[in-house]
Amino acid sequence: MELPTIKYPYLAEGRTGEIFAWDEDKILKLYHESASPGESEQEAVHASIAYDSGLNTPAVIDTVTIDNRQGIIFERVHGVTMLEAIIAQPQQLISYAHLLAALQVDMHTRTTSKLPSQRHRLQRKIESVSELVLETKAAILTDLDQLPEDNAICHGDFHPENILLTTEGPVILDWVDAAQGSPLVDIARTTLLLRVGELPPSMNERRRQKVAEIRHRFYEAYIEHYTRMQSISRKMIARWELPVAAARLSEGISNDEKSELLDIIKTAFP
């Protein structure tokens, strides 16, 4: 559906686009002009698969084009992100960390045959990375070949900023990177984001300092709760951090985060 230029109330901005109020019951996610062709349709399909699985995520209403920018109209859900809640209520940090783990455990109990392959997605990203020499990439890709096939629903970018806390319960947002695959890889991605992932560029310095002070405690509470609920070890998760870190380098992240990830990779390839 092609629409003329319309001014909608601005709500927020994320990594892939801006969020506007479409009306009382709907929001518009308008992708940045740099988005790849078909990216909105891809996310709309992924989000619909997650919704149909029974996960609490906004329903997809339609896809649109505005000023040559791709967009998706979603059901509007009111709340605050888990990241905002943690900053506002640091005394509830452990509870929020446990909630993040429990939501991910629940997601990983659901299966599908309709999402892209997690392994293939990681492979494509790693192959596109320019910061790694060919020998290192080849070794990581060989390791990735050992990843067992699985069909769990995996979010691909699961962290507190993609969880909206509402009066109706927590809602999972942003299914751009969703795939079917191994929960261990999905958790490895979350652990890296919690430890070294960059914060939203709009966040002021005072809030950044707050997050820096509590970041490690949140990560420890999250990973302890997830591994206990699933009866798995941290070693099993760490097994897949290398390909996940290498793939993350392809995502246009900050130099600081790149440096952290490259340090992790250099530990394996000194």
C-alpha atoms as a PDB file:
ATOM      1  CA  MET A   1       0.000   0.000   0.000  1.00  0.00           C
ATOM      2  CA  GLU A   2       1.551   3.307  -1.155  1.00  0.00           C
ATOM      3  CA  LEU A   3       0.659   6.344   0.952  1.00  0.00           C
ATOM      4  CA  PRO A   4       1.289  10.074   0.501  1.00  0.00           C
ATOM      5  CA  THR A   5       3.397  12.036   2.935  1.00  0.00           C
ATOM      6  CA  ILE A   6       1.551  12.252   6.268  1.00  0.00           C
ATOM      7  CA  LYS A   7       2.824  13.632   9.563  1.00  0.00           C
ATOM      8  CA  TYR A   8       2.312  11.179  12.422  1.00  0.00           C
ATOM      9  CA  PRO A   9       3.180  11.806  16.089  1.00  0.00           C
ATOM     10  CA  TYR A  10       6.734  10.587  16.670  1.00  0.00           C
ATOM     11  CA  LEU A  11       7.168   8.049  19.498  1.00  0.00           C
ATOM     12  CA  ALA A  12      10.659   6.524  19.405  1.00  0.00           C
ATOM     13  CA  GLU A  13      13.571   5.356  17.278  1.00  0.00           C
ATOM     14  CA  GLY A  14      15.256   1.963  17.114  1.00  0.00           C
ATOM     15  CA  ARG A  15      18.161   0.406  15.255  1.00  0.00           C
ATOM     16  CA  THR A  16      16.143  -0.320  12.103  1.00  0.00           C
ATOM     17  CA  GLY A  17      13.567   2.466  12.040  1.00  0.00           C
ATOM     18  CA  GLU A  18      11.390   5.107  13.670  1.00  0.00           C
ATOM     19  CA  ILE A  19       8.104   4.535  15.511  1.00  0.00           C
ATOM     20  CA  PHE A  20       5.068   6.785  14.987  1.00  0.00           C
ATOM     21  CA  ALA A  21       1.508   6.772  16.303  1.00  0.00           C
ATOM     22  CA  TRP A  22      -0.757   5.706  13.414  1.00  0.00           C
ATOM     23  CA  ASP A  23      -3.915   6.075  15.498  1.00  0.00           C
ATOM     24  CA  GLU A  24      -5.115   5.142  18.986  1.00  0.00           C
ATOM     25  CA  ASP A  25      -4.846   1.412  18.333  1.00  0.00           C
ATOM     26  CA  LYS A  26      -1.957   1.179  15.862  1.00  0.00           C
ATOM     27  CA  ILE A  27       1.655   2.269  15.457  1.00  0.00           C
ATOM     28  CA  LEU A  28       3.779   2.682  12.345  1.00  0.00           C
ATOM     29  CA  LYS A  29       7.318   1.366  12.213  1.00  0.00           C
ATOM     30  CA  LEU A  30       8.979   3.293   9.376  1.00  0.00           C
ATOM     31  CA  TYR A  31      12.291   1.796   8.298  1.00  0.00           C
ATOM     32  CA  HIS A  32      15.356   3.952   7.707  1.00  0.00           C
ATOM     33  CA  GLU A  33      16.033   4.726   4.045  1.00  0.00           C
ATOM     34  CA  SER A  34      19.124   2.508   4.216  1.00  0.00           C
ATOM     35  CA  ALA A  35      17.012  -0.611   4.860  1.00  0.00           C
ATOM     36  CA  SER A  36      17.452  -3.502   2.445  1.00  0.00           C
ATOM     37  CA  PRO A  37      14.637  -4.046  -0.079  1.00  0.00           C
ATOM     38  CA  GLY A  38      11.918  -6.260   1.369  1.00  0.00           C
ATOM     39  CA  GLU A  39      13.083  -5.871   4.967  1.00  0.00           C
ATOM     40  CA  SER A  40       9.684  -4.714   6.230  1.00  0.00           C
ATOM     41  CA  GLU A  41       7.906  -7.647   4.574  1.00  0.00           C
ATOM     42  CA  GLN A  42      10.454  -9.983   6.134  1.00  0.00           C
ATOM     43  CA  GLU A  43       9.892  -8.625   9.633  1.00  0.00           C
ATOM     44  CA  ALA A  44       6.118  -8.672   9.125  1.00  0.00           C
ATOM     45  CA  VAL A  45       6.268 -12.383   8.247  1.00  0.00           C
ATOM     46  CA  HIS A  46       8.550 -13.176  11.195  1.00  0.00           C
ATOM     47  CA  ALA A  47       6.382 -11.217  13.645  1.00  0.00           C
ATOM     48  CA  SER A  48       3.242 -12.956  12.370  1.00  0.00           C
ATOM     49  CA  ILE A  49       4.855 -16.376  12.871  1.00  0.00           C
ATOM     50  CA  ALA A  50       5.780 -15.407  16.445  1.00  0.00           C
ATOM     51  CA  TYR A  51       2.254 -14.095  17.066  1.00  0.00           C
ATOM     52  CA  ASP A  52       0.655 -17.254  15.658  1.00  0.00           C
ATOM     53  CA  SER A  53       2.867 -19.379  17.938  1.00  0.00           C
ATOM     54  CA  GLY A  54       1.126 -17.833  20.950  1.00  0.00           C
ATOM     55  CA  LEU A  55       3.921 -15.496  21.990  1.00  0.00           C
ATOM     56  CA  ASN A  56       2.849 -12.128  23.377  1.00  0.00           C
ATOM     57  CA  THR A  57       3.868  -9.794  20.563  1.00  0.00           C
ATOM     58  CA  PRO A  58       1.964  -7.067  18.671  1.00  0.00           C
ATOM     59  CA  ALA A  59      -0.179  -8.228  15.764  1.00  0.00           C
ATOM     60  CA  VAL A  60       0.848  -7.174  12.258  1.00  0.00           C
ATOM     61  CA  ILE A  61      -1.879  -5.101  10.564  1.00  0.00           C
ATOM     62  CA  ASP A  62      -0.328  -4.202   7.192  1.00  0.00           C
ATOM     63  CA  THR A  63       2.839  -3.214   5.333  1.00  0.00           C
ATOM     64  CA  VAL A  64       3.061   0.241   3.735  1.00  0.00           C
ATOM     65  CA  THR A  65       5.390   2.530   1.780  1.00  0.00           C
ATOM     66  CA  ILE A  66       5.700   6.206   2.734  1.00  0.00           C
ATOM     67  CA  ASP A  67       8.081   8.568   0.924  1.00  0.00           C
ATOM     68  CA  ASN A  68       9.857   5.518  -0.528  1.00  0.00           C
ATOM     69  CA  ARG A  69      10.444   4.161   2.979  1.00  0.00           C
ATOM     70  CA  GLN A  70       9.241   0.722   4.003  1.00  0.00           C
ATOM     71  CA  GLY A  71       6.876   0.471   6.930  1.00  0.00           C
ATOM     72  CA  ILE A  72       4.784  -1.891   9.022  1.00  0.00           C
ATOM     73  CA  ILE A  73       1.569  -1.057  10.855  1.00  0.00           C
ATOM     74  CA  PHE A  74       1.395  -2.941  14.152  1.00  0.00           C
ATOM     75  CA  GLU A  75      -1.188  -3.241  16.874  1.00  0.00           C
ATOM     76  CA  ARG A  76      -0.382  -0.497  19.404  1.00  0.00           C
ATOM     77  CA  VAL A  77       0.721  -1.671  22.841  1.00  0.00           C
ATOM     78  CA  HIS A  78       1.285   0.781  25.692  1.00  0.00           C
ATOM     79  CA  GLY A  79       4.109   0.307  28.177  1.00  0.00           C
ATOM     80  CA  VAL A  80       7.761   0.969  28.950  1.00  0.00           C
ATOM     81  CA  THR A  81      10.767  -1.022  27.834  1.00  0.00           C
ATOM     82  CA  MET A  82      12.412  -3.302  30.337  1.00  0.00           C
ATOM     83  CA  LEU A  83      15.578  -1.215  29.984  1.00  0.00           C
ATOM     84  CA  GLU A  84      13.668   1.914  31.059  1.00  0.00           C
ATOM     85  CA  ALA A  85      12.146   0.016  33.972  1.00  0.00           C
ATOM     86  CA  ILE A  86      15.544  -1.259  35.148  1.00  0.00           C
ATOM     87  CA  ILE A  87      16.974   2.262  35.127  1.00  0.00           C
ATOM     88  CA  ALA A  88      13.939   3.637  36.991  1.00  0.00           C
ATOM     89  CA  GLN A  89      13.808   0.768  39.515  1.00  0.00           C
ATOM     90  CA  PRO A  90      17.309  -0.687  39.953  1.00  0.00           C
ATOM     91  CA  GLN A  91      16.159  -2.358  43.173  1.00  0.00           C
ATOM     92  CA  GLN A  92      14.045  -4.654  40.936  1.00  0.00           C
ATOM     93  CA  LEU A  93      17.037  -5.623  38.786  1.00  0.00           C
ATOM     94  CA  ILE A  94      17.059  -9.310  39.775  1.00  0.00           C
ATOM     95  CA  SER A  95      13.331  -9.672  39.137  1.00  0.00           C
ATOM     96  CA  TYR A  96      13.679  -8.139  35.678  1.00  0.00           C
ATOM     97  CA  ALA A  97      16.671 -10.374  34.869  1.00  0.00           C
ATOM     98  CA  HIS A  98      14.677 -13.458  35.888  1.00  0.00           C
ATOM     99  CA  LEU A  99      11.730 -12.274  33.789  1.00  0.00           C
ATOM    100  CA  LEU A 100      13.961 -11.854  30.730  1.00  0.00           C
ATOM    101  CA  ALA A 101      15.254 -15.408  31.194  1.00  0.00           C
ATOM    102  CA  ALA A 102      11.767 -16.848  31.722  1.00  0.00           C
ATOM    103  CA  LEU A 103      10.430 -15.159  28.581  1.00  0.00           C
ATOM    104  CA  GLN A 104      13.291 -16.581  26.549  1.00  0.00           C
ATOM    105  CA  VAL A 105      12.799 -20.061  27.991  1.00  0.00           C
ATOM    106  CA  ASP A 106       9.124 -19.909  27.031  1.00  0.00           C
ATOM    107  CA  MET A 107       9.971 -18.735  23.508  1.00  0.00           C
ATOM    108  CA  HIS A 108      12.441 -21.581  23.055  1.00  0.00           C
ATOM    109  CA  THR A 109       9.759 -24.172  23.851  1.00  0.00           C
ATOM    110  CA  ARG A 110       7.944 -23.139  20.668  1.00  0.00           C
ATOM    111  CA  THR A 111       8.934 -24.585  17.312  1.00  0.00           C
ATOM    112  CA  THR A 112       8.410 -23.690  13.660  1.00  0.00           C
ATOM    113  CA  SER A 113       9.414 -24.718  10.156  1.00  0.00           C
ATOM    114  CA  LYS A 114       8.616 -21.305   8.653  1.00  0.00           C
ATOM    115  CA  LEU A 115      11.476 -19.060   9.815  1.00  0.00           C
ATOM    116  CA  PRO A 116      14.900 -18.733   8.126  1.00  0.00           C
ATOM    117  CA  SER A 117      17.713 -21.064   9.141  1.00  0.00           C
ATOM    118  CA  GLN A 118      19.729 -19.711  12.044  1.00  0.00           C
ATOM    119  CA  ARG A 119      22.899 -21.367  10.768  1.00  0.00           C
ATOM    120  CA  HIS A 120      22.537 -19.941   7.261  1.00  0.00           C
ATOM    121  CA  ARG A 121      21.895 -16.454   8.638  1.00  0.00           C
ATOM    122  CA  LEU A 122      25.034 -16.601  10.789  1.00  0.00           C
ATOM    123  CA  GLN A 123      27.030 -17.932   7.842  1.00  0.00           C
ATOM    124  CA  ARG A 124      25.980 -15.067   5.560  1.00  0.00           C
ATOM    125  CA  LYS A 125      26.815 -12.464   8.207  1.00  0.00           C
ATOM    126  CA  ILE A 126      30.227 -13.947   8.995  1.00  0.00           C
ATOM    127  CA  GLU A 127      31.134 -14.150   5.302  1.00  0.00           C
ATOM    128  CA  SER A 128      30.394 -10.418   4.937  1.00  0.00           C
ATOM    129  CA  VAL A 129      32.637  -9.296   7.828  1.00  0.00           C
ATOM    130  CA  SER A 130      35.643  -7.244   6.706  1.00  0.00           C
ATOM    131  CA  GLU A 131      37.408  -7.053  10.089  1.00  0.00           C
ATOM    132  CA  LEU A 132      38.470 -10.717  10.103  1.00  0.00           C
ATOM    133  CA  VAL A 133      41.157 -12.351   7.972  1.00  0.00           C
ATOM    134  CA  LEU A 134      40.087 -15.170   5.674  1.00  0.00           C
ATOM    135  CA  GLU A 135      41.747 -17.865   7.793  1.00  0.00           C
ATOM    136  CA  THR A 136      39.862 -16.784  10.924  1.00  0.00           C
ATOM    137  CA  LYS A 137      36.546 -16.610   9.097  1.00  0.00           C
ATOM    138  CA  ALA A 138      37.129 -20.048   7.568  1.00  0.00           C
ATOM    139  CA  ALA A 139      37.873 -21.548  11.002  1.00  0.00           C
ATOM    140  CA  ILE A 140      34.752 -19.974  12.528  1.00  0.00           C
ATOM    141  CA  LEU A 141      32.582 -21.154   9.626  1.00  0.00           C
ATOM    142  CA  THR A 142      33.981 -24.674   9.975  1.00  0.00           C
ATOM    143  CA  ASP A 143      33.054 -24.568  13.653  1.00  0.00           C
ATOM    144  CA  LEU A 144      29.575 -23.315  12.748  1.00  0.00           C
ATOM    145  CA  ASP A 145      29.071 -26.419  10.588  1.00  0.00           C
ATOM    146  CA  GLN A 146      28.987 -28.404  13.841  1.00  0.00           C
ATOM    147  CA  LEU A 147      25.891 -26.530  15.020  1.00  0.00           C
ATOM    148  CA  PRO A 148      23.062 -29.061  15.318  1.00  0.00           C
ATOM    149  CA  GLU A 149      19.907 -28.290  13.355  1.00  0.00           C
ATOM    150  CA  ASP A 150      16.962 -27.315  15.541  1.00  0.00           C
ATOM    151  CA  ASN A 151      13.586 -25.685  14.996  1.00  0.00           C
ATOM    152  CA  ALA A 152      13.078 -23.617  18.128  1.00  0.00           C
ATOM    153  CA  ILE A 153      11.807 -20.077  17.616  1.00  0.00           C
ATOM    154  CA  CYS A 154      14.823 -17.820  18.234  1.00  0.00           C
ATOM    155  CA  HIS A 155      14.469 -14.052  18.418  1.00  0.00           C
ATOM    156  CA  GLY A 156      18.003 -13.188  17.318  1.00  0.00           C
ATOM    157  CA  ASP A 157      18.164  -9.886  19.225  1.00  0.00           C
ATOM    158  CA  PHE A 158      16.665 -10.642  22.630  1.00  0.00           C
ATOM    159  CA  HIS A 159      17.518  -7.970  25.217  1.00  0.00           C
ATOM    160  CA  PRO A 160      15.703  -5.607  27.638  1.00  0.00           C
ATOM    161  CA  GLU A 161      15.112  -2.871  25.052  1.00  0.00           C
ATOM    162  CA  ASN A 162      13.028  -5.316  23.007  1.00  0.00           C
ATOM    163  CA  ILE A 163      10.752  -6.206  25.913  1.00  0.00           C
ATOM    164  CA  LEU A 164       7.810  -3.886  26.576  1.00  0.00           C
ATOM    165  CA  LEU A 165       6.297  -4.063  30.067  1.00  0.00           C
ATOM    166  CA  THR A 166       2.552  -3.439  29.966  1.00  0.00           C
ATOM    167  CA  THR A 167      -0.434  -3.790  32.289  1.00  0.00           C
ATOM    168  CA  GLU A 168      -1.311  -6.929  30.318  1.00  0.00           C
ATOM    169  CA  GLY A 169       2.136  -8.475  30.806  1.00  0.00           C
ATOM    170  CA  PRO A 170       5.480  -8.378  28.974  1.00  0.00           C
ATOM    171  CA  VAL A 171       5.434  -8.049  25.170  1.00  0.00           C
ATOM    172  CA  ILE A 172       8.290  -9.068  22.838  1.00  0.00           C
ATOM    173  CA  LEU A 173       9.196  -6.595  20.076  1.00  0.00           C
ATOM    174  CA  ASP A 174      11.422  -6.501  16.958  1.00  0.00           C
ATOM    175  CA  TRP A 175      11.491  -9.793  15.038  1.00  0.00           C
ATOM    176  CA  VAL A 176      13.830  -8.612  12.259  1.00  0.00           C
ATOM    177  CA  ASP A 177      16.493 -11.245  13.065  1.00  0.00           C
ATOM    178  CA  ALA A 178      14.182 -14.110  14.025  1.00  0.00           C
ATOM    179  CA  ALA A 179      15.185 -17.594  12.900  1.00  0.00           C
ATOM    180  CA  GLN A 180      14.560 -21.246  13.643  1.00  0.00           C
ATOM    181  CA  GLY A 181      17.479 -22.973  15.252  1.00  0.00           C
ATOM    182  CA  SER A 182      19.291 -23.700  18.486  1.00  0.00           C
ATOM    183  CA  PRO A 183      18.314 -21.935  21.728  1.00  0.00           C
ATOM    184  CA  LEU A 184      22.005 -22.060  22.714  1.00  0.00           C
ATOM    185  CA  VAL A 185      22.899 -19.670  19.880  1.00  0.00           C
ATOM    186  CA  ASP A 186      20.039 -17.340  20.793  1.00  0.00           C
ATOM    187  CA  ILE A 187      21.233 -17.235  24.417  1.00  0.00           C
ATOM    188  CA  ALA A 188      24.837 -16.704  23.301  1.00  0.00           C
ATOM    189  CA  ARG A 189      23.648 -13.655  21.370  1.00  0.00           C
ATOM    190  CA  THR A 190      21.797 -12.303  24.423  1.00  0.00           C
ATOM    191  CA  THR A 191      24.780 -12.855  26.719  1.00  0.00           C
ATOM    192  CA  LEU A 192      27.055 -10.884  24.380  1.00  0.00           C
ATOM    193  CA  LEU A 193      24.537  -8.044  24.096  1.00  0.00           C
ATOM    194  CA  LEU A 194      24.130  -7.865  27.867  1.00  0.00           C
ATOM    195  CA  ARG A 195      27.883  -7.835  28.434  1.00  0.00           C
ATOM    196  CA  VAL A 196      29.224  -5.611  25.637  1.00  0.00           C
ATOM    197  CA  GLY A 197      26.293  -4.445  23.472  1.00  0.00           C
ATOM    198  CA  GLU A 198      26.071  -0.728  22.740  1.00  0.00           C
ATOM    199  CA  LEU A 199      23.384   1.326  24.447  1.00  0.00           C
ATOM    200  CA  PRO A 200      20.808   3.404  22.522  1.00  0.00           C
ATOM    201  CA  PRO A 201      22.515   6.506  21.060  1.00  0.00           C
ATOM    202  CA  SER A 202      19.715   8.685  22.453  1.00  0.00           C
ATOM    203  CA  MET A 203      20.519   7.660  26.055  1.00  0.00           C
ATOM    204  CA  ASN A 204      22.045  10.492  28.098  1.00  0.00           C
ATOM    205  CA  GLU A 205      25.308  10.175  30.010  1.00  0.00           C
ATOM    206  CA  ARG A 206      23.689   9.887  33.446  1.00  0.00           C
ATOM    207  CA  ARG A 207      21.615   6.904  32.345  1.00  0.00           C
ATOM    208  CA  ARG A 208      24.611   5.338  30.632  1.00  0.00           C
ATOM    209  CA  GLN A 209      26.512   5.510  33.898  1.00  0.00           C
ATOM    210  CA  LYS A 210      23.595   3.870  35.722  1.00  0.00           C
ATOM    211  CA  VAL A 211      23.511   1.010  33.233  1.00  0.00           C
ATOM    212  CA  ALA A 212      27.294   0.563  33.485  1.00  0.00           C
ATOM    213  CA  GLU A 213      26.992   0.200  37.265  1.00  0.00           C
ATOM    214  CA  ILE A 214      24.346  -2.560  37.159  1.00  0.00           C
ATOM    215  CA  ARG A 215      25.111  -4.291  33.867  1.00  0.00           C
ATOM    216  CA  HIS A 216      27.202  -7.152  35.224  1.00  0.00           C
ATOM    217  CA  ARG A 217      24.746  -7.921  38.044  1.00  0.00           C
ATOM    218  CA  PHE A 218      21.866  -8.080  35.570  1.00  0.00           C
ATOM    219  CA  TYR A 219      23.766 -10.402  33.244  1.00  0.00           C
ATOM    220  CA  GLU A 220      24.734 -12.751  36.084  1.00  0.00           C
ATOM    221  CA  ALA A 221      21.154 -12.932  37.378  1.00  0.00           C
ATOM    222  CA  TYR A 222      19.826 -13.561  33.863  1.00  0.00           C
ATOM    223  CA  ILE A 223      22.270 -16.311  32.911  1.00  0.00           C
ATOM    224  CA  GLU A 224      22.020 -18.044  36.291  1.00  0.00           C
ATOM    225  CA  HIS A 225      18.224 -18.167  36.014  1.00  0.00           C
ATOM    226  CA  TYR A 226      18.157 -19.352  32.393  1.00  0.00           C
ATOM    227  CA  THR A 227      20.723 -22.128  32.898  1.00  0.00           C
ATOM    228  CA  ARG A 228      18.925 -23.318  36.034  1.00  0.00           C
ATOM    229  CA  MET A 229      15.515 -23.365  34.354  1.00  0.00           C
ATOM    230  CA  GLN A 230      16.858 -25.262  31.322  1.00  0.00           C
ATOM    231  CA  SER A 231      19.384 -27.445  33.208  1.00  0.00           C
ATOM    232  CA  ILE A 232      22.247 -26.434  30.922  1.00  0.00           C
ATOM    233  CA  SER A 233      25.756 -25.190  31.644  1.00  0.00           C
ATOM    234  CA  ARG A 234      27.361 -21.857  30.806  1.00  0.00           C
ATOM    235  CA  LYS A 235      30.007 -23.826  28.945  1.00  0.00           C
ATOM    236  CA  MET A 236      27.358 -25.095  26.518  1.00  0.00           C
ATOM    237  CA  ILE A 237      26.358 -21.496  25.763  1.00  0.00           C
ATOM    238  CA  ALA A 238      29.942 -20.192  25.532  1.00  0.00           C
ATOM    239  CA  ARG A 239      30.571 -22.868  22.873  1.00  0.00           C
ATOM    240  CA  TRP A 240      28.623 -20.697  20.393  1.00  0.00           C
ATOM    241  CA  GLU A 241      29.774 -17.207  21.396  1.00  0.00           C
ATOM    242  CA  LEU A 242      32.532 -17.144  18.777  1.00  0.00           C
ATOM    243  CA  PRO A 243      30.337 -17.407  15.633  1.00  0.00           C
ATOM    244  CA  VAL A 244      27.750 -15.115  17.229  1.00  0.00           C
ATOM    245  CA  ALA A 245      30.427 -12.489  17.986  1.00  0.00           C
ATOM    246  CA  ALA A 246      31.807 -12.751  14.450  1.00  0.00           C
ATOM    247  CA  ALA A 247      28.332 -12.342  12.918  1.00  0.00           C
ATOM    248  CA  ARG A 248      27.622  -9.308  15.114  1.00  0.00           C
ATOM    249  CA  LEU A 249      30.577  -7.511  13.511  1.00  0.00           C
ATOM    250  CA  SER A 250      28.564  -7.263  10.278  1.00  0.00           C
ATOM    251  CA  GLU A 251      25.813  -5.149  11.829  1.00  0.00           C
ATOM    252  CA  GLY A 252      27.157  -1.586  11.692  1.00  0.00           C
ATOM    253  CA  ILE A 253      27.849  -1.380  15.405  1.00  0.00           C
ATOM    254  CA  SER A 254      30.005   1.169  17.251  1.00  0.00           C
ATOM    255  CA  ASN A 255      33.794   0.974  17.249  1.00  0.00           C
ATOM    256  CA  ASP A 256      33.788   0.354  21.008  1.00  0.00           C
ATOM    257  CA  GLU A 257      31.592  -2.723  20.680  1.00  0.00           C
ATOM    258  CA  LYS A 258      33.606  -3.948  17.687  1.00  0.00           C
ATOM    259  CA  SER A 259      36.750  -3.710  19.780  1.00  0.00           C
ATOM    260  CA  GLU A 260      35.156  -5.783  22.561  1.00  0.00           C
ATOM    261  CA  LEU A 261      34.015  -8.456  20.114  1.00  0.00           C
ATOM    262  CA  LEU A 262      37.357  -8.589  18.330  1.00  0.00           C
ATOM    263  CA  ASP A 263      39.044  -9.128  21.709  1.00  0.00           C
ATOM    264  CA  ILE A 264      36.762 -12.128  22.295  1.00  0.00           C
ATOM    265  CA  ILE A 265      37.661 -13.557  18.879  1.00  0.00           C
ATOM    266  CA  LYS A 266      41.378 -12.885  19.321  1.00  0.00           C
ATOM    267  CA  THR A 267      41.309 -14.932  22.525  1.00  0.00           C
ATOM    268  CA  ALA A 268      40.392 -17.962  20.386  1.00  0.00           C
ATOM    269  CA  PHE A 269      42.765 -16.964  17.547  1.00  0.00           C
ATOM    270  CA  PRO A 270      45.754 -15.239  19.175  1.00  0.00           C
END
